[in-house]
ModelCIF file with pLDDT and N, C-alpha, C, O atoms, coordinates in Angstrom:
data_MODEL
#
_entry.id   MODEL 
#
_entity.id                         1 
_entity.type                       polymer 
_entity.pdbx_number_of_molecules   1 
#
_entity_poly.entity_id                      1 
_entity_poly.type                           'polypeptide(L)' 
_entity_poly.nstd_linkage                   no 
_entity_poly.nstd_monomer                   no 
_entity_poly.pdbx_seq_one_letter_code       
;(UNK)(UNK)(UNK)(UNK)(UNK)(UNK)(UNK)(UNK)(UNK)(UNK)(UNK)(UNK)(UNK)(UNK)(UNK)(UNK)
(UNK)(UNK)(UNK)(UNK)(UNK)(UNK)(UNK)(UNK)(UNK)(UNK)(UNK)(UNK)(UNK)(UNK)(UNK)(UNK)
(UNK)(UNK)(UNK)(UNK)(UNK)(UNK)(UNK)(UNK)(UNK)(UNK)(UNK)(UNK)(UNK)(UNK)(UNK)(UNK)
;
_entity_poly.pdbx_seq_one_letter_code_can   XXXXXXXXXXXXXXXXXXXXXXXXXXXXXXXXXXXXXXXXXXXXXXXX 
_entity_poly.pdbx_strand_id                 A 
#
loop_
_entity_poly_seq.entity_id 
_entity_poly_seq.num 
_entity_poly_seq.mon_id 
_entity_poly_seq.hetero 
1 1  UNK n 
1 2  UNK n 
1 3  UNK n 
1 4  UNK n 
1 5  UNK n 
1 6  UNK n 
1 7  UNK n 
1 8  UNK n 
1 9  UNK n 
1 10 UNK n 
1 11 UNK n 
1 12 UNK n 
1 13 UNK n 
1 14 UNK n 
1 15 UNK n 
1 16 UNK n 
1 17 UNK n 
1 18 UNK n 
1 19 UNK n 
1 20 UNK n 
1 21 UNK n 
1 22 UNK n 
1 23 UNK n 
1 24 UNK n 
1 25 UNK n 
1 26 UNK n 
1 27 UNK n 
1 28 UNK n 
1 29 UNK n 
1 30 UNK n 
1 31 UNK n 
1 32 UNK n 
1 33 UNK n 
1 34 UNK n 
1 35 UNK n 
1 36 UNK n 
1 37 UNK n 
1 38 UNK n 
1 39 UNK n 
1 40 UNK n 
1 41 UNK n 
1 42 UNK n 
1 43 UNK n 
1 44 UNK n 
1 45 UNK n 
1 46 UNK n 
1 47 UNK n 
1 48 UNK n 
#
_struct_asym.id          A 
_struct_asym.entity_id   1 
#
loop_
_ma_qa_metric.id 
_ma_qa_metric.mode 
_ma_qa_metric.name 
_ma_qa_metric.software_group_id 
_ma_qa_metric.type 
1 global pLDDT . pLDDT 
2 local  pLDDT . pLDDT 
#
_ma_qa_metric_global.metric_id      1 
_ma_qa_metric_global.metric_value   83.50 
_ma_qa_metric_global.model_id       1 
_ma_qa_metric_global.ordinal_id     1 
#
loop_
_ma_qa_metric_local.label_asym_id 
_ma_qa_metric_local.label_comp_id 
_ma_qa_metric_local.label_seq_id 
_ma_qa_metric_local.metric_id 
_ma_qa_metric_local.metric_value 
_ma_qa_metric_local.model_id 
_ma_qa_metric_local.ordinal_id 
A UNK 1  2 69.00 1 1  
A UNK 2  2 71.00 1 2  
A UNK 3  2 75.00 1 3  
A UNK 4  2 76.00 1 4  
A UNK 5  2 75.00 1 5  
A UNK 6  2 79.00 1 6  
A UNK 7  2 81.00 1 7  
A UNK 8  2 79.00 1 8  
A UNK 9  2 77.00 1 9  
A UNK 10 2 81.00 1 10 
A UNK 11 2 80.00 1 11 
A UNK 12 2 77.00 1 12 
A UNK 13 2 78.00 1 13 
A UNK 14 2 80.00 1 14 
A UNK 15 2 77.00 1 15 
A UNK 16 2 72.00 1 16 
A UNK 17 2 78.00 1 17 
A UNK 18 2 79.00 1 18 
A UNK 19 2 71.00 1 19 
A UNK 20 2 74.00 1 20 
A UNK 21 2 81.00 1 21 
A UNK 22 2 82.00 1 22 
A UNK 23 2 77.00 1 23 
A UNK 24 2 77.00 1 24 
A UNK 25 2 87.00 1 25 
A UNK 26 2 86.00 1 26 
A UNK 27 2 81.00 1 27 
A UNK 28 2 85.00 1 28 
A UNK 29 2 89.00 1 29 
A UNK 30 2 88.00 1 30 
A UNK 31 2 83.00 1 31 
A UNK 32 2 87.00 1 32 
A UNK 33 2 86.00 1 33 
A UNK 34 2 85.00 1 34 
A UNK 35 2 89.00 1 35 
A UNK 36 2 89.00 1 36 
A UNK 37 2 92.00 1 37 
A UNK 38 2 93.00 1 38 
A UNK 39 2 94.00 1 39 
A UNK 40 2 94.00 1 40 
A UNK 41 2 94.00 1 41 
A UNK 42 2 94.00 1 42 
A UNK 43 2 94.00 1 43 
A UNK 44 2 95.00 1 44 
A UNK 45 2 94.00 1 45 
A UNK 46 2 95.00 1 46 
A UNK 47 2 94.00 1 47 
A UNK 48 2 94.00 1 48 
#
loop_
_atom_site.group_PDB 
_atom_site.id 
_atom_site.type_symbol 
_atom_site.label_atom_id 
_atom_site.label_alt_id 
_atom_site.label_comp_id 
_atom_site.label_asym_id 
_atom_site.label_entity_id 
_atom_site.label_seq_id 
_atom_site.pdbx_PDB_ins_code 
_atom_site.Cartn_x 
_atom_site.Cartn_y 
_atom_site.Cartn_z 
_atom_site.occupancy 
_atom_site.B_iso_or_equiv 
_atom_site.pdbx_formal_charge 
_atom_site.auth_seq_id 
_atom_site.auth_comp_id 
_atom_site.auth_asym_id 
_atom_site.auth_atom_id 
_atom_site.pdbx_PDB_model_num 
ATOM 1   N N  . UNK A 1 1  ? -8.265 -0.694 -7.208 1.00 69.00 ? 1  UNK A N  1 
ATOM 2   C CA . UNK A 1 1  ? -7.015 0.183  -7.765 1.00 69.00 ? 1  UNK A CA 1 
ATOM 3   C C  . UNK A 1 1  ? -7.622 1.622  -7.864 1.00 69.00 ? 1  UNK A C  1 
ATOM 4   O O  . UNK A 1 1  ? -6.850 2.459  -8.331 1.00 69.00 ? 1  UNK A O  1 
ATOM 5   N N  . UNK A 1 2  ? -8.977 2.098  -7.477 1.00 71.00 ? 2  UNK A N  1 
ATOM 6   C CA . UNK A 1 2  ? -9.505 3.131  -7.945 1.00 71.00 ? 2  UNK A CA 1 
ATOM 7   C C  . UNK A 1 2  ? -8.635 3.653  -6.594 1.00 71.00 ? 2  UNK A C  1 
ATOM 8   O O  . UNK A 1 2  ? -7.605 4.211  -6.973 1.00 71.00 ? 2  UNK A O  1 
ATOM 9   N N  . UNK A 1 3  ? -8.743 3.631  -5.361 1.00 75.00 ? 3  UNK A N  1 
ATOM 10  C CA . UNK A 1 3  ? -8.468 3.968  -4.431 1.00 75.00 ? 3  UNK A CA 1 
ATOM 11  C C  . UNK A 1 3  ? -6.913 3.964  -3.616 1.00 75.00 ? 3  UNK A C  1 
ATOM 12  O O  . UNK A 1 3  ? -6.559 4.497  -2.565 1.00 75.00 ? 3  UNK A O  1 
ATOM 13  N N  . UNK A 1 4  ? -5.888 2.768  -5.008 1.00 76.00 ? 4  UNK A N  1 
ATOM 14  C CA . UNK A 1 4  ? -4.819 2.326  -4.177 1.00 76.00 ? 4  UNK A CA 1 
ATOM 15  C C  . UNK A 1 4  ? -3.579 3.392  -4.202 1.00 76.00 ? 4  UNK A C  1 
ATOM 16  O O  . UNK A 1 4  ? -2.584 3.273  -3.488 1.00 76.00 ? 4  UNK A O  1 
ATOM 17  N N  . UNK A 1 5  ? -3.745 4.214  -4.924 1.00 75.00 ? 5  UNK A N  1 
ATOM 18  C CA . UNK A 1 5  ? -2.695 5.433  -4.626 1.00 75.00 ? 5  UNK A CA 1 
ATOM 19  C C  . UNK A 1 5  ? -3.038 6.001  -3.151 1.00 75.00 ? 5  UNK A C  1 
ATOM 20  O O  . UNK A 1 5  ? -2.130 6.216  -2.348 1.00 75.00 ? 5  UNK A O  1 
ATOM 21  N N  . UNK A 1 6  ? -4.449 6.240  -2.826 1.00 79.00 ? 6  UNK A N  1 
ATOM 22  C CA . UNK A 1 6  ? -4.695 6.903  -1.703 1.00 79.00 ? 6  UNK A CA 1 
ATOM 23  C C  . UNK A 1 6  ? -4.564 6.179  -0.628 1.00 79.00 ? 6  UNK A C  1 
ATOM 24  O O  . UNK A 1 6  ? -4.220 6.673  0.445  1.00 79.00 ? 6  UNK A O  1 
ATOM 25  N N  . UNK A 1 7  ? -4.859 4.756  -0.814 1.00 81.00 ? 7  UNK A N  1 
ATOM 26  C CA . UNK A 1 7  ? -4.330 3.519  0.618  1.00 81.00 ? 7  UNK A CA 1 
ATOM 27  C C  . UNK A 1 7  ? -2.841 3.320  0.655  1.00 81.00 ? 7  UNK A C  1 
ATOM 28  O O  . UNK A 1 7  ? -2.363 2.992  1.741  1.00 81.00 ? 7  UNK A O  1 
ATOM 29  N N  . UNK A 1 8  ? -2.249 3.430  -0.106 1.00 79.00 ? 8  UNK A N  1 
ATOM 30  C CA . UNK A 1 8  ? -0.850 2.914  -0.130 1.00 79.00 ? 8  UNK A CA 1 
ATOM 31  C C  . UNK A 1 8  ? -0.158 4.300  0.221  1.00 79.00 ? 8  UNK A C  1 
ATOM 32  O O  . UNK A 1 8  ? 0.999  4.087  0.585  1.00 79.00 ? 8  UNK A O  1 
ATOM 33  N N  . UNK A 1 9  ? -0.447 5.504  0.231  1.00 77.00 ? 9  UNK A N  1 
ATOM 34  C CA . UNK A 1 9  ? -0.045 7.118  0.842  1.00 77.00 ? 9  UNK A CA 1 
ATOM 35  C C  . UNK A 1 9  ? -0.394 6.622  2.046  1.00 77.00 ? 9  UNK A C  1 
ATOM 36  O O  . UNK A 1 9  ? 0.464  6.555  2.926  1.00 77.00 ? 9  UNK A O  1 
ATOM 37  N N  . UNK A 1 10 ? -1.733 6.186  2.287  1.00 81.00 ? 10 UNK A N  1 
ATOM 38  C CA . UNK A 1 10 ? -1.845 6.507  4.206  1.00 81.00 ? 10 UNK A CA 1 
ATOM 39  C C  . UNK A 1 10 ? -1.578 5.706  4.981  1.00 81.00 ? 10 UNK A C  1 
ATOM 40  O O  . UNK A 1 10 ? -1.452 5.865  6.195  1.00 81.00 ? 10 UNK A O  1 
ATOM 41  N N  . UNK A 1 11 ? -1.378 4.088  3.946  1.00 80.00 ? 11 UNK A N  1 
ATOM 42  C CA . UNK A 1 11 ? -0.580 3.198  4.591  1.00 80.00 ? 11 UNK A CA 1 
ATOM 43  C C  . UNK A 1 11 ? 1.070  3.664  5.497  1.00 80.00 ? 11 UNK A C  1 
ATOM 44  O O  . UNK A 1 11 ? 1.648  3.347  6.537  1.00 80.00 ? 11 UNK A O  1 
ATOM 45  N N  . UNK A 1 12 ? 1.259  4.467  4.470  1.00 77.00 ? 12 UNK A N  1 
ATOM 46  C CA . UNK A 1 12 ? 2.976  5.574  4.552  1.00 77.00 ? 12 UNK A CA 1 
ATOM 47  C C  . UNK A 1 12 ? 2.862  5.951  5.655  1.00 77.00 ? 12 UNK A C  1 
ATOM 48  O O  . UNK A 1 12 ? 3.606  5.812  6.626  1.00 77.00 ? 12 UNK A O  1 
ATOM 49  N N  . UNK A 1 13 ? 1.322  6.755  5.467  1.00 78.00 ? 13 UNK A N  1 
ATOM 50  C CA . UNK A 1 13 ? 1.634  8.260  6.672  1.00 78.00 ? 13 UNK A CA 1 
ATOM 51  C C  . UNK A 1 13 ? 1.213  7.510  8.061  1.00 78.00 ? 13 UNK A C  1 
ATOM 52  O O  . UNK A 1 13 ? 1.711  7.992  9.079  1.00 78.00 ? 13 UNK A O  1 
ATOM 53  N N  . UNK A 1 14 ? 0.401  6.448  8.204  1.00 80.00 ? 14 UNK A N  1 
ATOM 54  C CA . UNK A 1 14 ? 0.211  5.532  9.475  1.00 80.00 ? 14 UNK A CA 1 
ATOM 55  C C  . UNK A 1 14 ? 1.246  5.453  10.298 1.00 80.00 ? 14 UNK A C  1 
ATOM 56  O O  . UNK A 1 14 ? 1.370  5.784  11.477 1.00 80.00 ? 14 UNK A O  1 
ATOM 57  N N  . UNK A 1 15 ? 2.429  4.676  9.059  1.00 77.00 ? 15 UNK A N  1 
ATOM 58  C CA . UNK A 1 15 ? 3.468  3.736  9.668  1.00 77.00 ? 15 UNK A CA 1 
ATOM 59  C C  . UNK A 1 15 ? 4.071  4.750  10.015 1.00 77.00 ? 15 UNK A C  1 
ATOM 60  O O  . UNK A 1 15 ? 4.052  4.769  11.245 1.00 77.00 ? 15 UNK A O  1 
ATOM 61  N N  . UNK A 1 16 ? 4.849  6.016  9.438  1.00 72.00 ? 16 UNK A N  1 
ATOM 62  C CA . UNK A 1 16 ? 5.546  7.295  10.057 1.00 72.00 ? 16 UNK A CA 1 
ATOM 63  C C  . UNK A 1 16 ? 5.181  7.666  10.632 1.00 72.00 ? 16 UNK A C  1 
ATOM 64  O O  . UNK A 1 16 ? 6.002  8.441  11.123 1.00 72.00 ? 16 UNK A O  1 
ATOM 65  N N  . UNK A 1 17 ? 3.705  7.782  11.422 1.00 78.00 ? 17 UNK A N  1 
ATOM 66  C CA . UNK A 1 17 ? 2.786  8.549  12.374 1.00 78.00 ? 17 UNK A CA 1 
ATOM 67  C C  . UNK A 1 17 ? 3.331  7.563  13.411 1.00 78.00 ? 17 UNK A C  1 
ATOM 68  O O  . UNK A 1 17 ? 3.862  8.021  14.423 1.00 78.00 ? 17 UNK A O  1 
ATOM 69  N N  . UNK A 1 18 ? 3.239  6.285  13.236 1.00 79.00 ? 18 UNK A N  1 
ATOM 70  C CA . UNK A 1 18 ? 4.088  5.875  14.512 1.00 79.00 ? 18 UNK A CA 1 
ATOM 71  C C  . UNK A 1 18 ? 5.559  5.775  15.179 1.00 79.00 ? 18 UNK A C  1 
ATOM 72  O O  . UNK A 1 18 ? 6.068  5.295  16.192 1.00 79.00 ? 18 UNK A O  1 
ATOM 73  N N  . UNK A 1 19 ? 5.980  6.563  13.937 1.00 71.00 ? 19 UNK A N  1 
ATOM 74  C CA . UNK A 1 19 ? 7.756  7.080  14.102 1.00 71.00 ? 19 UNK A CA 1 
ATOM 75  C C  . UNK A 1 19 ? 7.479  7.825  14.986 1.00 71.00 ? 19 UNK A C  1 
ATOM 76  O O  . UNK A 1 19 ? 7.978  7.573  16.084 1.00 71.00 ? 19 UNK A O  1 
ATOM 77  N N  . UNK A 1 20 ? 6.721  8.838  14.873 1.00 74.00 ? 20 UNK A N  1 
ATOM 78  C CA . UNK A 1 20 ? 6.447  9.783  15.937 1.00 74.00 ? 20 UNK A CA 1 
ATOM 79  C C  . UNK A 1 20 ? 6.653  9.739  17.425 1.00 74.00 ? 20 UNK A C  1 
ATOM 80  O O  . UNK A 1 20 ? 7.185  10.455 18.273 1.00 74.00 ? 20 UNK A O  1 
ATOM 81  N N  . UNK A 1 21 ? 5.865  8.340  17.374 1.00 81.00 ? 21 UNK A N  1 
ATOM 82  C CA . UNK A 1 21 ? 5.375  7.849  19.148 1.00 81.00 ? 21 UNK A CA 1 
ATOM 83  C C  . UNK A 1 21 ? 6.242  6.828  19.586 1.00 81.00 ? 21 UNK A C  1 
ATOM 84  O O  . UNK A 1 21 ? 6.490  6.622  20.774 1.00 81.00 ? 21 UNK A O  1 
ATOM 85  N N  . UNK A 1 22 ? 6.895  5.924  18.256 1.00 82.00 ? 22 UNK A N  1 
ATOM 86  C CA . UNK A 1 22 ? 7.372  4.323  18.941 1.00 82.00 ? 22 UNK A CA 1 
ATOM 87  C C  . UNK A 1 22 ? 8.905  4.560  19.722 1.00 82.00 ? 22 UNK A C  1 
ATOM 88  O O  . UNK A 1 22 ? 9.313  4.082  20.781 1.00 82.00 ? 22 UNK A O  1 
ATOM 89  N N  . UNK A 1 23 ? 9.707  5.690  18.554 1.00 77.00 ? 23 UNK A N  1 
ATOM 90  C CA . UNK A 1 23 ? 10.917 6.130  18.907 1.00 77.00 ? 23 UNK A CA 1 
ATOM 91  C C  . UNK A 1 23 ? 11.162 6.550  19.978 1.00 77.00 ? 23 UNK A C  1 
ATOM 92  O O  . UNK A 1 23 ? 11.967 5.967  20.703 1.00 77.00 ? 23 UNK A O  1 
ATOM 93  N N  . UNK A 1 24 ? 10.376 7.947  20.446 1.00 77.00 ? 24 UNK A N  1 
ATOM 94  C CA . UNK A 1 24 ? 10.193 8.484  21.765 1.00 77.00 ? 24 UNK A CA 1 
ATOM 95  C C  . UNK A 1 24 ? 10.026 7.734  22.910 1.00 77.00 ? 24 UNK A C  1 
ATOM 96  O O  . UNK A 1 24 ? 10.552 8.022  23.985 1.00 77.00 ? 24 UNK A O  1 
ATOM 97  N N  . UNK A 1 25 ? 9.439  6.952  22.753 1.00 87.00 ? 25 UNK A N  1 
ATOM 98  C CA . UNK A 1 25 ? 8.972  5.894  23.908 1.00 87.00 ? 25 UNK A CA 1 
ATOM 99  C C  . UNK A 1 25 ? 9.773  4.985  24.203 1.00 87.00 ? 25 UNK A C  1 
ATOM 100 O O  . UNK A 1 25 ? 9.937  4.656  25.377 1.00 87.00 ? 25 UNK A O  1 
ATOM 101 N N  . UNK A 1 26 ? 10.632 4.223  22.872 1.00 86.00 ? 26 UNK A N  1 
ATOM 102 C CA . UNK A 1 26 ? 11.689 3.492  23.222 1.00 86.00 ? 26 UNK A CA 1 
ATOM 103 C C  . UNK A 1 26 ? 12.721 4.331  23.611 1.00 86.00 ? 26 UNK A C  1 
ATOM 104 O O  . UNK A 1 26 ? 13.482 3.590  24.233 1.00 86.00 ? 26 UNK A O  1 
ATOM 105 N N  . UNK A 1 27 ? 13.170 5.409  23.604 1.00 81.00 ? 27 UNK A N  1 
ATOM 106 C CA . UNK A 1 27 ? 14.405 6.120  24.485 1.00 81.00 ? 27 UNK A CA 1 
ATOM 107 C C  . UNK A 1 27 ? 14.001 6.092  25.580 1.00 81.00 ? 27 UNK A C  1 
ATOM 108 O O  . UNK A 1 27 ? 14.773 5.556  26.376 1.00 81.00 ? 27 UNK A O  1 
ATOM 109 N N  . UNK A 1 28 ? 12.724 6.598  26.130 1.00 85.00 ? 28 UNK A N  1 
ATOM 110 C CA . UNK A 1 28 ? 12.779 6.936  27.863 1.00 85.00 ? 28 UNK A CA 1 
ATOM 111 C C  . UNK A 1 28 ? 12.385 5.638  28.224 1.00 85.00 ? 28 UNK A C  1 
ATOM 112 O O  . UNK A 1 28 ? 12.452 5.616  29.453 1.00 85.00 ? 28 UNK A O  1 
ATOM 113 N N  . UNK A 1 29 ? 11.884 4.174  27.673 1.00 89.00 ? 29 UNK A N  1 
ATOM 114 C CA . UNK A 1 29 ? 11.827 2.649  28.183 1.00 89.00 ? 29 UNK A CA 1 
ATOM 115 C C  . UNK A 1 29 ? 13.396 2.467  28.224 1.00 89.00 ? 29 UNK A C  1 
ATOM 116 O O  . UNK A 1 29 ? 13.806 2.038  29.303 1.00 89.00 ? 29 UNK A O  1 
ATOM 117 N N  . UNK A 1 30 ? 14.154 2.658  27.459 1.00 88.00 ? 30 UNK A N  1 
ATOM 118 C CA . UNK A 1 30 ? 15.631 2.147  27.369 1.00 88.00 ? 30 UNK A CA 1 
ATOM 119 C C  . UNK A 1 30 ? 16.292 2.533  28.855 1.00 88.00 ? 30 UNK A C  1 
ATOM 120 O O  . UNK A 1 30 ? 16.580 1.831  29.824 1.00 88.00 ? 30 UNK A O  1 
ATOM 121 N N  . UNK A 1 31 ? 16.434 4.356  28.527 1.00 83.00 ? 31 UNK A N  1 
ATOM 122 C CA . UNK A 1 31 ? 17.033 4.956  29.718 1.00 83.00 ? 31 UNK A CA 1 
ATOM 123 C C  . UNK A 1 31 ? 16.058 4.618  31.031 1.00 83.00 ? 31 UNK A C  1 
ATOM 124 O O  . UNK A 1 31 ? 16.812 4.841  31.978 1.00 83.00 ? 31 UNK A O  1 
ATOM 125 N N  . UNK A 1 32 ? 14.601 4.139  31.652 1.00 87.00 ? 32 UNK A N  1 
ATOM 126 C CA . UNK A 1 32 ? 14.050 3.702  32.575 1.00 87.00 ? 32 UNK A CA 1 
ATOM 127 C C  . UNK A 1 32 ? 14.981 2.417  33.042 1.00 87.00 ? 32 UNK A C  1 
ATOM 128 O O  . UNK A 1 32 ? 15.925 2.217  33.807 1.00 87.00 ? 32 UNK A O  1 
ATOM 129 N N  . UNK A 1 33 ? 13.924 1.457  31.869 1.00 86.00 ? 33 UNK A N  1 
ATOM 130 C CA . UNK A 1 33 ? 14.212 0.052  32.357 1.00 86.00 ? 33 UNK A CA 1 
ATOM 131 C C  . UNK A 1 33 ? 15.168 -0.519 31.421 1.00 86.00 ? 33 UNK A C  1 
ATOM 132 O O  . UNK A 1 33 ? 15.451 -1.599 31.939 1.00 86.00 ? 33 UNK A O  1 
ATOM 133 N N  . UNK A 1 34 ? 15.588 -0.451 30.731 1.00 85.00 ? 34 UNK A N  1 
ATOM 134 C CA . UNK A 1 34 ? 16.436 -1.587 29.457 1.00 85.00 ? 34 UNK A CA 1 
ATOM 135 C C  . UNK A 1 34 ? 15.548 -1.891 28.404 1.00 85.00 ? 34 UNK A C  1 
ATOM 136 O O  . UNK A 1 34 ? 14.323 -1.828 28.300 1.00 85.00 ? 34 UNK A O  1 
ATOM 137 N N  . UNK A 1 35 ? 16.601 -2.289 27.531 1.00 89.00 ? 35 UNK A N  1 
ATOM 138 C CA . UNK A 1 35 ? 15.993 -2.421 26.020 1.00 89.00 ? 35 UNK A CA 1 
ATOM 139 C C  . UNK A 1 35 ? 15.215 -3.775 26.078 1.00 89.00 ? 35 UNK A C  1 
ATOM 140 O O  . UNK A 1 35 ? 14.502 -3.869 25.079 1.00 89.00 ? 35 UNK A O  1 
ATOM 141 N N  . UNK A 1 36 ? 15.098 -4.960 26.986 1.00 89.00 ? 36 UNK A N  1 
ATOM 142 C CA . UNK A 1 36 ? 14.692 -5.921 27.185 1.00 89.00 ? 36 UNK A CA 1 
ATOM 143 C C  . UNK A 1 36 ? 12.947 -5.906 27.006 1.00 89.00 ? 36 UNK A C  1 
ATOM 144 O O  . UNK A 1 36 ? 12.284 -6.754 26.407 1.00 89.00 ? 36 UNK A O  1 
ATOM 145 N N  . UNK A 1 37 ? 12.500 -4.830 27.627 1.00 92.00 ? 37 UNK A N  1 
ATOM 146 C CA . UNK A 1 37 ? 11.028 -4.442 27.679 1.00 92.00 ? 37 UNK A CA 1 
ATOM 147 C C  . UNK A 1 37 ? 10.543 -3.895 26.560 1.00 92.00 ? 37 UNK A C  1 
ATOM 148 O O  . UNK A 1 37 ? 9.374  -4.153 26.275 1.00 92.00 ? 37 UNK A O  1 
ATOM 149 N N  . UNK A 1 38 ? 11.422 -2.915 25.571 1.00 93.00 ? 38 UNK A N  1 
ATOM 150 C CA . UNK A 1 38 ? 11.030 -3.284 24.071 1.00 93.00 ? 38 UNK A CA 1 
ATOM 151 C C  . UNK A 1 38 ? 10.570 -3.830 23.855 1.00 93.00 ? 38 UNK A C  1 
ATOM 152 O O  . UNK A 1 38 ? 9.348  -3.683 23.875 1.00 93.00 ? 38 UNK A O  1 
ATOM 153 N N  . UNK A 1 39 ? 11.230 -5.052 23.418 1.00 94.00 ? 39 UNK A N  1 
ATOM 154 C CA . UNK A 1 39 ? 11.084 -5.867 22.529 1.00 94.00 ? 39 UNK A CA 1 
ATOM 155 C C  . UNK A 1 39 ? 9.649  -6.886 23.426 1.00 94.00 ? 39 UNK A C  1 
ATOM 156 O O  . UNK A 1 39 ? 9.090  -7.676 22.665 1.00 94.00 ? 39 UNK A O  1 
ATOM 157 N N  . UNK A 1 40 ? 9.331  -6.874 24.293 1.00 94.00 ? 40 UNK A N  1 
ATOM 158 C CA . UNK A 1 40 ? 8.272  -7.149 24.781 1.00 94.00 ? 40 UNK A CA 1 
ATOM 159 C C  . UNK A 1 40 ? 7.055  -6.487 24.439 1.00 94.00 ? 40 UNK A C  1 
ATOM 160 O O  . UNK A 1 40 ? 6.111  -7.046 23.881 1.00 94.00 ? 40 UNK A O  1 
ATOM 161 N N  . UNK A 1 41 ? 7.087  -5.374 24.755 1.00 94.00 ? 41 UNK A N  1 
ATOM 162 C CA . UNK A 1 41 ? 6.363  -4.630 23.866 1.00 94.00 ? 41 UNK A CA 1 
ATOM 163 C C  . UNK A 1 41 ? 6.086  -4.920 22.504 1.00 94.00 ? 41 UNK A C  1 
ATOM 164 O O  . UNK A 1 41 ? 5.051  -5.489 22.157 1.00 94.00 ? 41 UNK A O  1 
ATOM 165 N N  . UNK A 1 42 ? 6.922  -4.570 21.766 1.00 94.00 ? 42 UNK A N  1 
ATOM 166 C CA . UNK A 1 42 ? 6.594  -5.102 20.369 1.00 94.00 ? 42 UNK A CA 1 
ATOM 167 C C  . UNK A 1 42 ? 6.191  -6.497 20.156 1.00 94.00 ? 42 UNK A C  1 
ATOM 168 O O  . UNK A 1 42 ? 5.780  -6.899 19.067 1.00 94.00 ? 42 UNK A O  1 
ATOM 169 N N  . UNK A 1 43 ? 6.281  -7.061 20.956 1.00 94.00 ? 43 UNK A N  1 
ATOM 170 C CA . UNK A 1 43 ? 5.324  -8.550 20.328 1.00 94.00 ? 43 UNK A CA 1 
ATOM 171 C C  . UNK A 1 43 ? 3.986  -8.785 21.041 1.00 94.00 ? 43 UNK A C  1 
ATOM 172 O O  . UNK A 1 43 ? 3.308  -9.764 20.727 1.00 94.00 ? 43 UNK A O  1 
ATOM 173 N N  . UNK A 1 44 ? 3.638  -8.053 21.847 1.00 95.00 ? 44 UNK A N  1 
ATOM 174 C CA . UNK A 1 44 ? 2.370  -7.248 22.173 1.00 95.00 ? 44 UNK A CA 1 
ATOM 175 C C  . UNK A 1 44 ? 1.542  -6.915 20.908 1.00 95.00 ? 44 UNK A C  1 
ATOM 176 O O  . UNK A 1 44 ? 0.704  -7.613 20.337 1.00 95.00 ? 44 UNK A O  1 
ATOM 177 N N  . UNK A 1 45 ? 2.099  -5.371 20.544 1.00 94.00 ? 45 UNK A N  1 
ATOM 178 C CA . UNK A 1 45 ? 1.615  -5.208 19.740 1.00 94.00 ? 45 UNK A CA 1 
ATOM 179 C C  . UNK A 1 45 ? 1.088  -5.660 18.724 1.00 94.00 ? 45 UNK A C  1 
ATOM 180 O O  . UNK A 1 45 ? 0.043  -5.124 18.357 1.00 94.00 ? 45 UNK A O  1 
ATOM 181 N N  . UNK A 1 46 ? 1.577  -6.665 18.031 1.00 95.00 ? 46 UNK A N  1 
ATOM 182 C CA . UNK A 1 46 ? 1.067  -7.763 17.340 1.00 95.00 ? 46 UNK A CA 1 
ATOM 183 C C  . UNK A 1 46 ? -0.468 -7.868 17.423 1.00 95.00 ? 46 UNK A C  1 
ATOM 184 O O  . UNK A 1 46 ? -1.238 -7.739 16.471 1.00 95.00 ? 46 UNK A O  1 
ATOM 185 N N  . UNK A 1 47 ? -0.808 -8.129 18.749 1.00 94.00 ? 47 UNK A N  1 
ATOM 186 C CA . UNK A 1 47 ? -2.128 -8.939 18.687 1.00 94.00 ? 47 UNK A CA 1 
ATOM 187 C C  . UNK A 1 47 ? -3.015 -7.972 18.207 1.00 94.00 ? 47 UNK A C  1 
ATOM 188 O O  . UNK A 1 47 ? -4.188 -8.341 18.259 1.00 94.00 ? 47 UNK A O  1 
ATOM 189 N N  . UNK A 1 48 ? -2.794 -6.632 17.668 1.00 94.00 ? 48 UNK A N  1 
ATOM 190 C CA . UNK A 1 48 ? -3.746 -5.811 17.660 1.00 94.00 ? 48 UNK A CA 1 
ATOM 191 C C  . UNK A 1 48 ? -3.768 -5.627 16.033 1.00 94.00 ? 48 UNK A C  1 
ATOM 192 O O  . UNK A 1 48 ? -4.585 -4.870 15.509 1.00 94.00 ? 48 UNK A O  1 
#
């Protein structure tokens, strides 16, 4: 509990840092090879 506010905020920053990368990659992938591969990449990302 002592570090909970810090961890919650860091969790949010990590989630939104991913927003810096994910939408840009998705936009390029959709334009280049279509939406299907984007869903496949997301399925693979859960392994991490």
